[in-house]
All heavy atoms as atom14 arrays in JSON, in Angstrom:
{
  "sequence": "AASGLTAMLLEPLGWRMTLQCYSVAGLVWSAIFWRWFRDSPSEHLRVN",
  "atom14_mask": [
    [1, 1, 1, 1, 1, 0, 0, 0, 0, 0, 0, 0, 0, 0],
    [1, 1, 1, 1, 1, 0, 0, 0, 0, 0, 0, 0, 0, 0],
    [1, 1, 1, 1, 1, 1, 0, 0, 0, 0, 0, 0, 0, 0],
    [1, 1, 1, 1, 0, 0, 0, 0, 0, 0, 0, 0, 0, 0],
    [1, 1, 1, 1, 1, 1, 1, 1, 0, 0, 0, 0, 0, 0],
    [1, 1, 1, 1, 1, 1, 1, 0, 0, 0, 0, 0, 0, 0],
    [1, 1, 1, 1, 1, 0, 0, 0, 0, 0, 0, 0, 0, 0],
    [1, 1, 1, 1, 1, 1, 1, 1, 0, 0, 0, 0, 0, 0],
    [1, 1, 1, 1, 1, 1, 1, 1, 0, 0, 0, 0, 0, 0],
    [1, 1, 1, 1, 1, 1, 1, 1, 0, 0, 0, 0, 0, 0],
    [1, 1, 1, 1, 1, 1, 1, 1, 1, 0, 0, 0, 0, 0],
    [1, 1, 1, 1, 1, 1, 1, 0, 0, 0, 0, 0, 0, 0],
    [1, 1, 1, 1, 1, 1, 1, 1, 0, 0, 0, 0, 0, 0],
    [1, 1, 1, 1, 0, 0, 0, 0, 0, 0, 0, 0, 0, 0],
    [1, 1, 1, 1, 1, 1, 1, 1, 1, 1, 1, 1, 1, 1],
    [1, 1, 1, 1, 1, 1, 1, 1, 1, 1, 1, 0, 0, 0],
    [1, 1, 1, 1, 1, 1, 1, 1, 0, 0, 0, 0, 0, 0],
    [1, 1, 1, 1, 1, 1, 1, 0, 0, 0, 0, 0, 0, 0],
    [1, 1, 1, 1, 1, 1, 1, 1, 0, 0, 0, 0, 0, 0],
    [1, 1, 1, 1, 1, 1, 1, 1, 1, 0, 0, 0, 0, 0],
    [1, 1, 1, 1, 1, 1, 0, 0, 0, 0, 0, 0, 0, 0],
    [1, 1, 1, 1, 1, 1, 1, 1, 1, 1, 1, 1, 0, 0],
    [1, 1, 1, 1, 1, 1, 0, 0, 0, 0, 0, 0, 0, 0],
    [1, 1, 1, 1, 1, 1, 1, 0, 0, 0, 0, 0, 0, 0],
    [1, 1, 1, 1, 1, 0, 0, 0, 0, 0, 0, 0, 0, 0],
    [1, 1, 1, 1, 0, 0, 0, 0, 0, 0, 0, 0, 0, 0],
    [1, 1, 1, 1, 1, 1, 1, 1, 0, 0, 0, 0, 0, 0],
    [1, 1, 1, 1, 1, 1, 1, 0, 0, 0, 0, 0, 0, 0],
    [1, 1, 1, 1, 1, 1, 1, 1, 1, 1, 1, 1, 1, 1],
    [1, 1, 1, 1, 1, 1, 0, 0, 0, 0, 0, 0, 0, 0],
    [1, 1, 1, 1, 1, 0, 0, 0, 0, 0, 0, 0, 0, 0],
    [1, 1, 1, 1, 1, 1, 1, 1, 0, 0, 0, 0, 0, 0],
    [1, 1, 1, 1, 1, 1, 1, 1, 1, 1, 1, 0, 0, 0],
    [1, 1, 1, 1, 1, 1, 1, 1, 1, 1, 1, 1, 1, 1],
    [1, 1, 1, 1, 1, 1, 1, 1, 1, 1, 1, 0, 0, 0],
    [1, 1, 1, 1, 1, 1, 1, 1, 1, 1, 1, 1, 1, 1],
    [1, 1, 1, 1, 1, 1, 1, 1, 1, 1, 1, 0, 0, 0],
    [1, 1, 1, 1, 1, 1, 1, 1, 1, 1, 1, 0, 0, 0],
    [1, 1, 1, 1, 1, 1, 1, 1, 0, 0, 0, 0, 0, 0],
    [1, 1, 1, 1, 1, 1, 0, 0, 0, 0, 0, 0, 0, 0],
    [1, 1, 1, 1, 1, 1, 1, 0, 0, 0, 0, 0, 0, 0],
    [1, 1, 1, 1, 1, 1, 0, 0, 0, 0, 0, 0, 0, 0],
    [1, 1, 1, 1, 1, 1, 1, 1, 1, 0, 0, 0, 0, 0],
    [1, 1, 1, 1, 1, 1, 1, 1, 1, 1, 0, 0, 0, 0],
    [1, 1, 1, 1, 1, 1, 1, 1, 0, 0, 0, 0, 0, 0],
    [1, 1, 1, 1, 1, 1, 1, 1, 1, 1, 1, 0, 0, 0],
    [1, 1, 1, 1, 1, 1, 1, 0, 0, 0, 0, 0, 0, 0],
    [1, 1, 1, 1, 1, 1, 1, 1, 0, 0, 0, 0, 0, 0]
  ],
  "atom14_positions": [
    [[-7.11, 21.1, -7.55], [-6.6, 19.98, -6.73], [-5.24, 19.47, -7.25], [-4.32, 19.21, -6.47], [-7.58, 18.87, -6.73], [0.0, 0.0, 0.0], [0.0, 0.0, 0.0], [0.0, 0.0, 0.0], [0.0, 0.0, 0.0], [0.0, 0.0, 0.0], [0.0, 0.0, 0.0], [0.0, 0.0, 0.0], [0.0, 0.0, 0.0], [0.0, 0.0, 0.0]],
    [[-5.15, 19.5, -8.62], [-3.9, 19.01, -9.23], [-2.71, 19.99, -8.99], [-1.6, 19.53, -8.77], [-4.09, 18.75, -10.73], [0.0, 0.0, 0.0], [0.0, 0.0, 0.0], [0.0, 0.0, 0.0], [0.0, 0.0, 0.0], [0.0, 0.0, 0.0], [0.0, 0.0, 0.0], [0.0, 0.0, 0.0], [0.0, 0.0, 0.0], [0.0, 0.0, 0.0]],
    [[-3.04, 21.23, -8.96], [-2.02, 22.17, -8.76], [-1.47, 22.05, -7.25], [-0.2, 22.12, -7.08], [-2.56, 23.67, -8.89], [-3.01, 23.84, -10.18], [0.0, 0.0, 0.0], [0.0, 0.0, 0.0], [0.0, 0.0, 0.0], [0.0, 0.0, 0.0], [0.0, 0.0, 0.0], [0.0, 0.0, 0.0], [0.0, 0.0, 0.0], [0.0, 0.0, 0.0]],
    [[-2.32, 21.84, -6.37], [-1.98, 21.7, -4.98], [-1.23, 20.41, -4.73], [-0.15, 20.36, -3.98], [0.0, 0.0, 0.0], [0.0, 0.0, 0.0], [0.0, 0.0, 0.0], [0.0, 0.0, 0.0], [0.0, 0.0, 0.0], [0.0, 0.0, 0.0], [0.0, 0.0, 0.0], [0.0, 0.0, 0.0], [0.0, 0.0, 0.0], [0.0, 0.0, 0.0]],
    [[-1.63, 19.34, -5.38], [-0.98, 17.99, -5.27], [0.49, 18.1, -5.97], [1.35, 17.55, -5.35], [-1.82, 16.96, -5.89], [-1.27, 15.5, -5.89], [-1.13, 15.14, -4.41], [-2.18, 14.57, -6.61], [0.0, 0.0, 0.0], [0.0, 0.0, 0.0], [0.0, 0.0, 0.0], [0.0, 0.0, 0.0], [0.0, 0.0, 0.0], [0.0, 0.0, 0.0]],
    [[0.53, 18.73, -7.09], [1.85, 18.88, -7.73], [2.8, 19.66, -6.81], [3.97, 19.24, -6.7], [1.67, 19.59, -9.12], [0.76, 18.83, -9.94], [2.99, 19.81, -9.75], [0.0, 0.0, 0.0], [0.0, 0.0, 0.0], [0.0, 0.0, 0.0], [0.0, 0.0, 0.0], [0.0, 0.0, 0.0], [0.0, 0.0, 0.0], [0.0, 0.0, 0.0]],
    [[2.29, 20.67, -6.2], [3.21, 21.44, -5.27], [3.67, 20.66, -4.1], [4.8, 20.79, -3.74], [2.42, 22.68, -4.84], [0.0, 0.0, 0.0], [0.0, 0.0, 0.0], [0.0, 0.0, 0.0], [0.0, 0.0, 0.0], [0.0, 0.0, 0.0], [0.0, 0.0, 0.0], [0.0, 0.0, 0.0], [0.0, 0.0, 0.0], [0.0, 0.0, 0.0]],
    [[2.83, 19.74, -3.69], [3.18, 18.89, -2.53], [4.21, 17.74, -2.95], [5.08, 17.36, -2.2], [1.92, 18.24, -2.0], [1.04, 19.14, -1.2], [-0.58, 18.31, -0.81], [0.15, 16.97, 0.26], [0.0, 0.0, 0.0], [0.0, 0.0, 0.0], [0.0, 0.0, 0.0], [0.0, 0.0, 0.0], [0.0, 0.0, 0.0], [0.0, 0.0, 0.0]],
    [[4.06, 17.3, -4.25], [4.9, 16.16, -4.68], [6.23, 16.67, -5.24], [7.21, 15.84, -5.31], [4.15, 15.29, -5.67], [2.93, 14.6, -5.2], [2.14, 13.89, -6.4], [3.28, 13.61, -4.19], [0.0, 0.0, 0.0], [0.0, 0.0, 0.0], [0.0, 0.0, 0.0], [0.0, 0.0, 0.0], [0.0, 0.0, 0.0], [0.0, 0.0, 0.0]],
    [[6.37, 17.84, -5.68], [7.56, 18.32, -6.38], [8.79, 18.2, -5.51], [9.91, 17.71, -5.99], [7.42, 19.77, -6.81], [6.76, 20.04, -8.15], [6.57, 21.49, -8.42], [7.48, 19.3, -9.33], [0.0, 0.0, 0.0], [0.0, 0.0, 0.0], [0.0, 0.0, 0.0], [0.0, 0.0, 0.0], [0.0, 0.0, 0.0], [0.0, 0.0, 0.0]],
    [[8.69, 18.56, -4.29], [9.94, 18.47, -3.51], [10.43, 17.15, -3.18], [11.6, 16.75, -3.26], [9.7, 19.3, -2.17], [11.04, 19.54, -1.35], [10.87, 20.38, -0.15], [9.88, 21.14, -0.09], [11.7, 20.45, 0.66], [0.0, 0.0, 0.0], [0.0, 0.0, 0.0], [0.0, 0.0, 0.0], [0.0, 0.0, 0.0], [0.0, 0.0, 0.0]],
    [[9.46, 16.27, -2.69], [9.98, 14.76, -2.41], [10.31, 14.0, -3.61], [11.1, 13.18, -3.51], [8.8, 14.29, -1.59], [7.53, 15.04, -1.98], [8.12, 16.38, -2.36], [0.0, 0.0, 0.0], [0.0, 0.0, 0.0], [0.0, 0.0, 0.0], [0.0, 0.0, 0.0], [0.0, 0.0, 0.0], [0.0, 0.0, 0.0], [0.0, 0.0, 0.0]],
    [[9.5, 14.18, -4.67], [9.63, 13.35, -5.86], [10.35, 13.92, -7.0], [10.96, 13.21, -7.86], [8.28, 12.82, -6.25], [7.39, 12.02, -5.31], [6.02, 11.7, -5.9], [8.12, 10.82, -4.85], [0.0, 0.0, 0.0], [0.0, 0.0, 0.0], [0.0, 0.0, 0.0], [0.0, 0.0, 0.0], [0.0, 0.0, 0.0], [0.0, 0.0, 0.0]],
    [[10.26, 15.28, -7.21], [10.78, 15.91, -8.45], [9.72, 15.87, -9.5], [8.79, 14.96, -9.44], [0.0, 0.0, 0.0], [0.0, 0.0, 0.0], [0.0, 0.0, 0.0], [0.0, 0.0, 0.0], [0.0, 0.0, 0.0], [0.0, 0.0, 0.0], [0.0, 0.0, 0.0], [0.0, 0.0, 0.0], [0.0, 0.0, 0.0], [0.0, 0.0, 0.0]],
    [[9.9, 16.71, -10.47], [8.97, 16.79, -11.55], [8.87, 15.56, -12.38], [7.77, 15.13, -12.97], [9.23, 18.07, -12.42], [10.36, 18.05, -13.27], [11.62, 18.47, -12.91], [10.48, 17.7, -14.61], [12.49, 18.42, -13.94], [11.81, 17.84, -15.06], [9.59, 17.18, -15.59], [12.2, 17.6, -16.31], [10.01, 16.88, -16.84], [11.35, 17.08, -17.2]],
    [[9.98, 14.87, -12.62], [9.96, 13.76, -13.54], [9.12, 12.62, -12.87], [8.28, 11.9, -13.48], [11.36, 13.22, -13.75], [12.22, 14.29, -14.49], [13.68, 13.8, -14.69], [14.5, 14.81, -15.29], [14.67, 15.18, -16.54], [14.0, 14.45, -17.4], [15.5, 16.12, -16.99], [0.0, 0.0, 0.0], [0.0, 0.0, 0.0], [0.0, 0.0, 0.0]],
    [[9.41, 12.3, -11.64], [8.73, 11.19, -11.03], [7.24, 11.59, -10.77], [6.34, 10.68, -10.87], [9.36, 10.85, -9.54], [8.79, 9.78, -8.81], [8.88, 8.2, -9.71], [10.64, 7.79, -9.49], [0.0, 0.0, 0.0], [0.0, 0.0, 0.0], [0.0, 0.0, 0.0], [0.0, 0.0, 0.0], [0.0, 0.0, 0.0], [0.0, 0.0, 0.0]],
    [[7.04, 12.8, -10.5], [5.55, 13.29, -10.41], [4.84, 12.97, -11.66], [3.66, 12.51, -11.61], [5.51, 14.7, -9.97], [6.2, 14.93, -8.78], [4.08, 15.18, -9.82], [0.0, 0.0, 0.0], [0.0, 0.0, 0.0], [0.0, 0.0, 0.0], [0.0, 0.0, 0.0], [0.0, 0.0, 0.0], [0.0, 0.0, 0.0], [0.0, 0.0, 0.0]],
    [[5.41, 13.35, -12.84], [4.77, 13.04, -14.11], [4.53, 11.54, -14.23], [3.5, 11.11, -14.71], [5.75, 13.56, -15.2], [5.39, 14.91, -15.88], [6.43, 15.21, -16.98], [3.96, 14.96, -16.37], [0.0, 0.0, 0.0], [0.0, 0.0, 0.0], [0.0, 0.0, 0.0], [0.0, 0.0, 0.0], [0.0, 0.0, 0.0], [0.0, 0.0, 0.0]],
    [[5.47, 10.71, -13.88], [5.38, 9.3, -14.03], [4.2, 8.8, -13.11], [3.48, 7.83, -13.51], [6.71, 8.61, -13.73], [7.71, 8.91, -14.76], [9.11, 8.54, -14.27], [9.29, 7.94, -13.31], [10.16, 9.03, -15.01], [0.0, 0.0, 0.0], [0.0, 0.0, 0.0], [0.0, 0.0, 0.0], [0.0, 0.0, 0.0], [0.0, 0.0, 0.0]],
    [[4.09, 9.34, -11.96], [3.0, 8.94, -11.05], [1.62, 9.35, -11.65], [0.67, 8.54, -11.63], [3.11, 9.58, -9.7], [4.44, 9.06, -8.65], [0.0, 0.0, 0.0], [0.0, 0.0, 0.0], [0.0, 0.0, 0.0], [0.0, 0.0, 0.0], [0.0, 0.0, 0.0], [0.0, 0.0, 0.0], [0.0, 0.0, 0.0], [0.0, 0.0, 0.0]],
    [[1.5, 10.51, -12.23], [0.25, 10.87, -12.89], [-0.01, 9.94, -14.11], [-1.25, 9.68, -14.41], [0.49, 12.33, -13.41], [0.27, 13.37, -12.32], [0.73, 14.65, -12.48], [-0.17, 13.02, -11.12], [0.71, 15.64, -11.49], [-0.27, 14.02, -10.04], [0.12, 15.27, -10.22], [0.07, 16.19, -9.29], [0.0, 0.0, 0.0], [0.0, 0.0, 0.0]],
    [[1.09, 9.51, -14.72], [0.8, 8.53, -15.86], [0.24, 7.23, -15.4], [-0.67, 6.73, -16.1], [2.16, 8.38, -16.61], [2.74, 9.55, -17.13], [0.0, 0.0, 0.0], [0.0, 0.0, 0.0], [0.0, 0.0, 0.0], [0.0, 0.0, 0.0], [0.0, 0.0, 0.0], [0.0, 0.0, 0.0], [0.0, 0.0, 0.0], [0.0, 0.0, 0.0]],
    [[0.65, 6.69, -14.32], [0.18, 5.48, -13.74], [-1.32, 5.71, -13.46], [-2.13, 4.84, -13.63], [0.93, 5.1, -12.48], [0.18, 3.98, -11.81], [2.39, 4.63, -12.92], [0.0, 0.0, 0.0], [0.0, 0.0, 0.0], [0.0, 0.0, 0.0], [0.0, 0.0, 0.0], [0.0, 0.0, 0.0], [0.0, 0.0, 0.0], [0.0, 0.0, 0.0]],
    [[-1.61, 6.87, -12.84], [-2.95, 7.19, -12.45], [-3.85, 7.25, -13.72], [-4.93, 6.7, -13.64], [-3.1, 8.53, -11.77], [0.0, 0.0, 0.0], [0.0, 0.0, 0.0], [0.0, 0.0, 0.0], [0.0, 0.0, 0.0], [0.0, 0.0, 0.0], [0.0, 0.0, 0.0], [0.0, 0.0, 0.0], [0.0, 0.0, 0.0], [0.0, 0.0, 0.0]],
    [[-3.42, 7.77, -14.81], [-4.12, 7.74, -16.07], [-4.46, 6.32, -16.63], [-5.49, 6.0, -17.06], [0.0, 0.0, 0.0], [0.0, 0.0, 0.0], [0.0, 0.0, 0.0], [0.0, 0.0, 0.0], [0.0, 0.0, 0.0], [0.0, 0.0, 0.0], [0.0, 0.0, 0.0], [0.0, 0.0, 0.0], [0.0, 0.0, 0.0], [0.0, 0.0, 0.0]],
    [[-3.35, 5.38, -16.42], [-3.6, 4.12, -16.95], [-4.68, 3.34, -16.0], [-5.48, 2.57, -16.55], [-2.25, 3.34, -16.96], [-1.34, 3.78, -17.95], [0.04, 3.14, -17.73], [-1.9, 3.56, -19.4], [0.0, 0.0, 0.0], [0.0, 0.0, 0.0], [0.0, 0.0, 0.0], [0.0, 0.0, 0.0], [0.0, 0.0, 0.0], [0.0, 0.0, 0.0]],
    [[-4.52, 3.56, -14.76], [-5.49, 2.99, -13.84], [-6.93, 3.41, -14.14], [-7.88, 2.66, -14.25], [-5.11, 3.24, -12.34], [-6.26, 2.73, -11.42], [-3.8, 2.52, -12.02], [0.0, 0.0, 0.0], [0.0, 0.0, 0.0], [0.0, 0.0, 0.0], [0.0, 0.0, 0.0], [0.0, 0.0, 0.0], [0.0, 0.0, 0.0], [0.0, 0.0, 0.0]],
    [[-7.08, 4.75, -14.32], [-8.32, 5.33, -14.75], [-8.9, 4.73, -16.01], [-10.07, 4.38, -16.04], [-8.16, 6.82, -14.88], [-9.6, 7.5, -15.24], [-10.56, 7.92, -14.44], [-10.06, 7.65, -16.61], [-11.67, 8.4, -15.19], [-11.34, 8.21, -16.47], [-9.47, 7.41, -17.91], [-12.11, 8.47, -17.64], [-10.23, 7.75, -19.03], [-11.53, 8.33, -18.87]],
    [[-8.01, 4.55, -17.02], [-8.55, 3.98, -18.29], [-9.03, 2.59, -18.13], [-10.05, 2.26, -18.82], [-7.39, 4.12, -19.38], [-6.25, 3.25, -19.0], [0.0, 0.0, 0.0], [0.0, 0.0, 0.0], [0.0, 0.0, 0.0], [0.0, 0.0, 0.0], [0.0, 0.0, 0.0], [0.0, 0.0, 0.0], [0.0, 0.0, 0.0], [0.0, 0.0, 0.0]],
    [[-8.37, 1.8, -17.31], [-8.88, 0.48, -17.05], [-10.19, 0.44, -16.41], [-11.13, -0.42, -16.75], [-7.8, -0.33, -16.26], [0.0, 0.0, 0.0], [0.0, 0.0, 0.0], [0.0, 0.0, 0.0], [0.0, 0.0, 0.0], [0.0, 0.0, 0.0], [0.0, 0.0, 0.0], [0.0, 0.0, 0.0], [0.0, 0.0, 0.0], [0.0, 0.0, 0.0]],
    [[-10.33, 1.16, -15.42], [-11.76, 1.34, -14.67], [-12.77, 1.8, -15.62], [-13.88, 1.28, -15.65], [-11.49, 2.29, -13.49], [-10.62, 1.68, -12.49], [-12.86, 2.52, -12.85], [-10.21, 2.62, -11.28], [0.0, 0.0, 0.0], [0.0, 0.0, 0.0], [0.0, 0.0, 0.0], [0.0, 0.0, 0.0], [0.0, 0.0, 0.0], [0.0, 0.0, 0.0]],
    [[-12.42, 2.85, -16.47], [-13.47, 3.38, -17.33], [-13.8, 2.37, -18.39], [-15.07, 2.22, -18.7], [-12.8, 4.6, -18.05], [-13.73, 5.31, -19.03], [-14.67, 6.2, -18.46], [-13.74, 5.15, -20.32], [-15.61, 6.85, -19.31], [-14.51, 5.81, -21.21], [-15.55, 6.61, -20.65], [0.0, 0.0, 0.0], [0.0, 0.0, 0.0], [0.0, 0.0, 0.0]],
    [[-12.88, 1.6, -18.85], [-13.28, 0.5, -19.92], [-14.16, -0.46, -19.33], [-15.09, -0.95, -19.92], [-12.02, -0.07, -20.42], [-12.26, -1.3, -21.31], [-12.25, -2.55, -21.01], [-12.49, -1.18, -22.77], [-12.57, -3.37, -22.15], [-12.71, -2.5, -23.25], [-12.63, -0.02, -23.64], [-13.06, -2.79, -24.54], [-13.0, -0.37, -24.92], [-13.12, -1.67, -25.38]],
    [[-13.96, -0.86, -18.14], [-14.76, -1.85, -17.43], [-16.16, -1.37, -17.05], [-17.21, -2.06, -17.2], [-14.06, -2.43, -16.17], [-14.84, -3.46, -15.47], [-14.05, -4.08, -14.3], [-14.85, -5.08, -13.6], [-14.96, -6.35, -13.97], [-14.37, -6.79, -15.08], [-15.69, -7.18, -13.22], [0.0, 0.0, 0.0], [0.0, 0.0, 0.0], [0.0, 0.0, 0.0]],
    [[-16.25, -0.1, -16.61], [-17.48, 0.45, -16.12], [-18.39, 1.07, -17.24], [-19.59, 0.94, -17.16], [-17.2, 1.43, -15.05], [-18.33, 2.2, -14.64], [-19.41, 1.81, -13.77], [-18.68, 3.69, -14.93], [-20.27, 2.86, -13.63], [-19.8, 3.98, -14.31], [-17.94, 4.56, -15.72], [-20.42, 5.3, -14.38], [-18.54, 5.79, -15.86], [-19.71, 6.19, -15.24]],
    [[-17.81, 1.91, -18.16], [-18.63, 2.7, -19.04], [-19.09, 1.96, -20.26], [-18.46, 1.04, -20.7], [-17.72, 3.94, -19.53], [-18.57, 4.85, -20.3], [-19.32, 5.77, -19.79], [-18.34, 4.85, -21.75], [-20.17, 6.68, -20.65], [-18.99, 5.75, -22.5], [-19.89, 6.65, -21.92], [0.0, 0.0, 0.0], [0.0, 0.0, 0.0], [0.0, 0.0, 0.0]],
    [[-20.21, 2.36, -20.71], [-20.79, 1.97, -22.0], [-21.24, 3.13, -22.81], [-21.7, 4.16, -22.34], [-21.97, 0.98, -21.85], [-21.61, -0.32, -21.03], [-20.77, -1.22, -21.92], [-20.37, -2.41, -21.24], [-19.42, -2.65, -20.39], [-18.61, -1.58, -20.13], [-19.13, -3.79, -19.79], [0.0, 0.0, 0.0], [0.0, 0.0, 0.0], [0.0, 0.0, 0.0]],
    [[-21.07, 2.97, -24.04], [-21.42, 4.09, -25.01], [-22.91, 4.49, -24.95], [-23.23, 5.72, -25.18], [-21.02, 3.77, -26.42], [-19.49, 3.8, -26.7], [-18.8, 4.68, -26.06], [-18.99, 2.95, -27.37], [0.0, 0.0, 0.0], [0.0, 0.0, 0.0], [0.0, 0.0, 0.0], [0.0, 0.0, 0.0], [0.0, 0.0, 0.0], [0.0, 0.0, 0.0]],
    [[-23.78, 3.66, -24.8], [-25.19, 3.85, -24.76], [-25.8, 3.35, -23.52], [-25.45, 2.31, -23.03], [-25.91, 3.21, -26.02], [-27.25, 3.31, -25.9], [0.0, 0.0, 0.0], [0.0, 0.0, 0.0], [0.0, 0.0, 0.0], [0.0, 0.0, 0.0], [0.0, 0.0, 0.0], [0.0, 0.0, 0.0], [0.0, 0.0, 0.0], [0.0, 0.0, 0.0]],
    [[-26.83, 4.05, -22.99], [-27.49, 3.5, -21.75], [-28.12, 2.22, -21.96], [-28.3, 1.36, -21.01], [-28.62, 4.59, -21.57], [-28.04, 5.84, -22.14], [-27.27, 5.42, -23.4], [0.0, 0.0, 0.0], [0.0, 0.0, 0.0], [0.0, 0.0, 0.0], [0.0, 0.0, 0.0], [0.0, 0.0, 0.0], [0.0, 0.0, 0.0], [0.0, 0.0, 0.0]],
    [[-28.51, 1.9, -23.24], [-29.07, 0.61, -23.56], [-28.06, -0.59, -23.38], [-28.44, -1.76, -23.25], [-29.77, 0.56, -25.0], [-28.69, 0.72, -25.97], [0.0, 0.0, 0.0], [0.0, 0.0, 0.0], [0.0, 0.0, 0.0], [0.0, 0.0, 0.0], [0.0, 0.0, 0.0], [0.0, 0.0, 0.0], [0.0, 0.0, 0.0], [0.0, 0.0, 0.0]],
    [[-26.74, -0.34, -23.35], [-25.74, -1.32, -23.28], [-25.35, -1.53, -21.84], [-24.66, -2.59, -21.57], [-24.43, -0.86, -24.03], [-24.76, -0.7, -25.5], [-23.58, -0.07, -26.38], [-22.53, 0.12, -25.6], [-23.74, 0.18, -27.51], [0.0, 0.0, 0.0], [0.0, 0.0, 0.0], [0.0, 0.0, 0.0], [0.0, 0.0, 0.0], [0.0, 0.0, 0.0]],
    [[-25.84, -0.68, -20.92], [-25.37, -0.81, -19.53], [-26.47, -1.56, -18.74], [-27.58, -1.19, -18.69], [-25.14, 0.6, -18.93], [-24.24, 0.66, -17.83], [-24.44, 0.04, -16.63], [-22.92, 1.25, -17.64], [-23.39, 0.14, -15.76], [-22.6, 0.92, -16.44], [0.0, 0.0, 0.0], [0.0, 0.0, 0.0], [0.0, 0.0, 0.0], [0.0, 0.0, 0.0]],
    [[-25.99, -2.59, -18.13], [-26.92, -3.5, -17.35], [-27.6, -2.82, -16.17], [-28.66, -3.31, -15.7], [-26.2, -4.73, -16.93], [-25.6, -5.62, -18.05], [-24.93, -6.85, -17.41], [-26.67, -6.15, -18.96], [0.0, 0.0, 0.0], [0.0, 0.0, 0.0], [0.0, 0.0, 0.0], [0.0, 0.0, 0.0], [0.0, 0.0, 0.0], [0.0, 0.0, 0.0]],
    [[-27.03, -1.74, -15.6], [-27.53, -1.11, -14.46], [-28.5, 0.03, -14.69], [-28.94, 0.67, -13.74], [-26.42, -0.69, -13.58], [-25.5, -1.75, -12.97], [-24.64, -1.33, -11.96], [-23.8, -2.37, -11.34], [-23.02, -2.33, -10.18], [-23.0, -1.15, -9.6], [-22.34, -3.31, -9.85], [0.0, 0.0, 0.0], [0.0, 0.0, 0.0], [0.0, 0.0, 0.0]],
    [[-28.77, 0.25, -15.95], [-29.78, 1.36, -16.28], [-31.22, 0.71, -16.44], [-31.32, -0.25, -17.21], [-29.35, 2.04, -17.54], [-30.42, 3.09, -18.0], [-27.92, 2.58, -17.48], [0.0, 0.0, 0.0], [0.0, 0.0, 0.0], [0.0, 0.0, 0.0], [0.0, 0.0, 0.0], [0.0, 0.0, 0.0], [0.0, 0.0, 0.0], [0.0, 0.0, 0.0]],
    [[-31.99, 1.09, -15.58], [-33.44, 0.47, -15.62], [-34.26, 1.15, -16.54], [-33.95, 2.22, -17.27], [-34.02, 0.41, -14.15], [-34.14, 1.84, -13.59], [-34.57, 2.8, -14.32], [-33.8, 1.98, -12.38], [0.0, 0.0, 0.0], [0.0, 0.0, 0.0], [0.0, 0.0, 0.0], [0.0, 0.0, 0.0], [0.0, 0.0, 0.0], [0.0, 0.0, 0.0]]
  ]
}
Protein backbone atom coordinates (compact mmCIF):
# COMPACT_ATOMS: atom_id res chain seq x y z
CA ALA A 1 0.00 0.00 0.00
CA ALA A 2 2.83 2.40 0.87
CA SER A 3 4.54 1.76 -2.47
CA GLY A 4 1.34 2.56 -4.34
CA LEU A 5 0.60 5.62 -2.24
CA THR A 6 4.15 6.91 -2.68
CA ALA A 7 3.87 6.54 -6.45
CA MET A 8 0.63 8.55 -6.38
CA LEU A 9 2.07 11.32 -4.20
CA LEU A 10 5.47 11.75 -5.83
CA GLU A 11 4.31 13.72 -8.84
CA PRO A 12 2.01 16.24 -7.09
CA LEU A 13 4.03 16.62 -3.87
CA GLY A 14 7.59 15.57 -4.62
CA TRP A 15 9.63 13.20 -2.48
CA ARG A 16 10.47 15.78 0.19
CA MET A 17 6.88 16.76 0.94
CA THR A 18 5.79 13.12 0.77
CA LEU A 19 8.35 12.25 3.46
CA GLN A 20 7.05 15.09 5.61
CA CYS A 21 3.46 13.87 5.22
CA TYR A 22 4.53 10.40 6.32
CA SER A 23 6.25 11.98 9.32
CA VAL A 24 3.02 13.68 10.38
CA ALA A 25 1.20 10.35 10.03
CA GLY A 26 3.81 8.76 12.32
CA LEU A 27 3.30 11.41 14.99
CA VAL A 28 -0.48 11.04 14.82
CA TRP A 29 -0.14 7.27 15.14
CA SER A 30 2.16 7.58 18.17
CA ALA A 31 -0.37 9.82 19.96
CA ILE A 32 -3.21 7.38 19.30
CA PHE A 33 -1.06 4.42 20.36
CA TRP A 34 -0.06 6.14 23.62
CA ARG A 35 -3.68 6.81 24.51
CA TRP A 36 -5.05 3.39 23.56
CA PHE A 37 -2.32 0.78 24.26
CA ARG A 38 -1.23 -0.68 27.60
CA ASP A 39 1.78 -2.91 28.21
CA SER A 40 -0.24 -5.57 30.01
CA PRO A 41 -3.83 -6.78 29.59
CA SER A 42 -4.30 -6.22 33.33
CA GLU A 43 -3.72 -2.49 32.80
CA HIS A 44 -6.36 -2.13 30.08
CA LEU A 45 -9.85 -1.30 31.31
CA ARG A 46 -11.56 -2.94 28.33
CA VAL A 47 -10.10 -6.41 28.91
CA ASN A 48 -12.65 -8.53 30.79
